[in-house]
Amino acid sequence: MASLIQDVWFGAEPRVRGLRLGPHSETEVRVVFHPDAAMSLDDPTLRAFLEALATELEVVAFDPRFGSGRADLTPDQRRERFIGVLETIARTWESMPLVVAGHRQAEL
């Protein structure tokens, strides 16, 4: 199980809900996980997967239903929101390589 579990919010309105998880020891890489737009960070299966991943790596996941995955945004707007979340993550926490991962059924 992850030692660090922290709710985080990114950006201005509409804010993007996120979750930061990690092991007790420092890691050398941060995984930014983008779930499918139909999923939520409250989904028990997704939460268990993220916690298992966070036993070895720091993981920042965000809820695609808020911001970058909203159905009323164009693909270009969703892409810009996603890039904005990545930039915020890179600025917010100490510098380390970011690896983007996720599960998407639709194009960005």
Protein backbone atom coordinates (compact mmCIF):
# COMPACT_ATOMS: atom_id res chain seq x y z
CA MET A 1 0.00 0.00 0.00
CA ALA A 2 1.13 3.55 -0.69
CA SER A 3 2.48 5.55 2.26
CA LEU A 4 1.56 8.93 0.77
CA ILE A 5 -2.02 9.53 -0.32
CA GLN A 6 -2.84 13.19 -0.92
CA ASP A 7 -5.81 14.88 -2.63
CA VAL A 8 -4.64 17.68 -4.93
CA TRP A 9 -6.30 20.22 -7.26
CA PHE A 10 -4.82 21.66 -10.45
CA GLY A 11 -5.42 24.88 -12.32
CA ALA A 12 -8.06 27.57 -12.30
CA GLU A 13 -11.74 27.12 -13.04
CA PRO A 14 -12.72 24.48 -13.73
CA ARG A 15 -10.19 22.94 -11.37
CA VAL A 16 -8.94 19.43 -12.00
CA ARG A 17 -9.15 16.95 -9.13
CA GLY A 18 -6.04 14.86 -8.61
CA LEU A 19 -4.53 12.27 -6.33
CA ARG A 20 -0.85 11.99 -5.39
CA LEU A 21 0.37 8.65 -4.07
CA GLY A 22 3.80 7.30 -3.27
CA PRO A 23 5.95 4.94 -1.24
CA HIS A 24 7.65 5.82 2.03
CA SER A 25 11.02 6.28 0.30
CA GLU A 26 11.85 8.80 -2.42
CA THR A 27 11.53 7.64 -6.00
CA GLU A 28 13.45 8.65 -9.11
CA VAL A 29 10.46 9.01 -11.41
CA ARG A 30 6.91 10.32 -11.16
CA VAL A 31 4.13 8.64 -13.14
CA VAL A 32 1.31 10.89 -14.28
CA PHE A 33 -1.68 8.61 -14.80
CA HIS A 34 -4.62 9.66 -16.95
CA PRO A 35 -7.60 7.29 -16.50
CA ASP A 36 -10.25 6.79 -19.13
CA ALA A 37 -12.84 9.59 -19.28
CA ALA A 38 -15.53 7.22 -18.02
CA MET A 39 -13.58 6.49 -14.82
CA SER A 40 -13.28 8.38 -11.55
CA LEU A 41 -10.56 8.49 -8.91
CA ASP A 42 -13.24 7.12 -6.57
CA ASP A 43 -13.51 3.88 -8.60
CA PRO A 44 -12.34 1.07 -6.24
CA THR A 45 -10.58 -0.89 -9.00
CA LEU A 46 -8.68 2.17 -10.23
CA ARG A 47 -7.84 3.22 -6.68
CA ALA A 48 -6.43 -0.25 -5.87
CA PHE A 49 -4.35 -0.19 -9.07
CA LEU A 50 -2.93 3.27 -8.28
CA GLU A 51 -2.11 2.28 -4.69
CA ALA A 52 -0.32 -0.87 -5.90
CA LEU A 53 1.67 1.16 -8.43
CA ALA A 54 2.53 3.68 -5.72
CA THR A 55 4.28 1.08 -3.56
CA GLU A 56 7.31 1.53 -5.86
CA LEU A 57 6.78 4.84 -7.72
CA GLU A 58 5.29 8.24 -7.05
CA VAL A 59 2.01 8.51 -8.93
CA VAL A 60 -0.10 11.56 -9.70
CA ALA A 61 -3.47 10.75 -11.22
CA PHE A 62 -6.20 13.14 -12.17
CA ASP A 63 -9.91 12.75 -12.60
CA PRO A 64 -10.69 13.11 -16.31
CA ARG A 65 -14.30 14.09 -15.58
CA PHE A 66 -13.03 17.46 -14.34
CA GLY A 67 -11.17 19.59 -16.86
CA SER A 68 -9.29 17.70 -19.55
CA GLY A 69 -11.83 14.92 -20.07
CA ARG A 70 -15.02 16.96 -20.01
CA ALA A 71 -17.36 16.14 -22.85
CA ASP A 72 -18.12 19.81 -23.56
CA LEU A 73 -14.48 20.59 -24.41
CA THR A 74 -13.05 20.23 -27.91
CA PRO A 75 -10.12 17.84 -28.48
CA ASP A 76 -7.76 20.85 -28.65
CA GLN A 77 -9.11 22.20 -25.35
CA ARG A 78 -8.74 18.78 -23.69
CA ARG A 79 -5.15 18.55 -24.98
CA GLU A 80 -4.36 22.03 -23.64
CA ARG A 81 -5.85 21.16 -20.24
CA PHE A 82 -3.80 17.95 -20.13
CA ILE A 83 -0.60 19.84 -20.96
CA GLY A 84 -1.52 22.40 -18.29
CA VAL A 85 -1.87 19.65 -15.69
CA LEU A 86 1.54 18.23 -16.67
CA GLU A 87 3.14 21.68 -16.40
CA THR A 88 1.54 22.24 -12.98
CA ILE A 89 2.80 18.87 -11.71
CA ALA A 90 6.32 19.64 -12.96
CA ARG A 91 6.31 23.04 -11.19
CA THR A 92 4.58 21.97 -7.97
CA TRP A 93 6.85 19.19 -6.79
CA GLU A 94 10.61 18.77 -6.89
CA SER A 95 12.13 18.14 -10.25
CA MET A 96 12.15 14.56 -11.41
CA PRO A 97 11.39 12.83 -14.69
CA LEU A 98 7.71 12.51 -15.57
CA VAL A 99 6.33 9.40 -17.25
CA VAL A 100 2.84 9.73 -18.69
CA ALA A 101 0.66 6.62 -18.56
CA GLY A 102 -2.99 5.90 -18.65
CA HIS A 103 -5.98 4.22 -20.12
CA ARG A 104 -7.96 6.00 -22.80
CA GLN A 105 -10.75 4.75 -25.00
CA ALA A 106 -10.93 7.99 -26.97
CA GLU A 107 -8.31 10.24 -28.54
CA LEU A 108 -7.04 13.24 -26.63
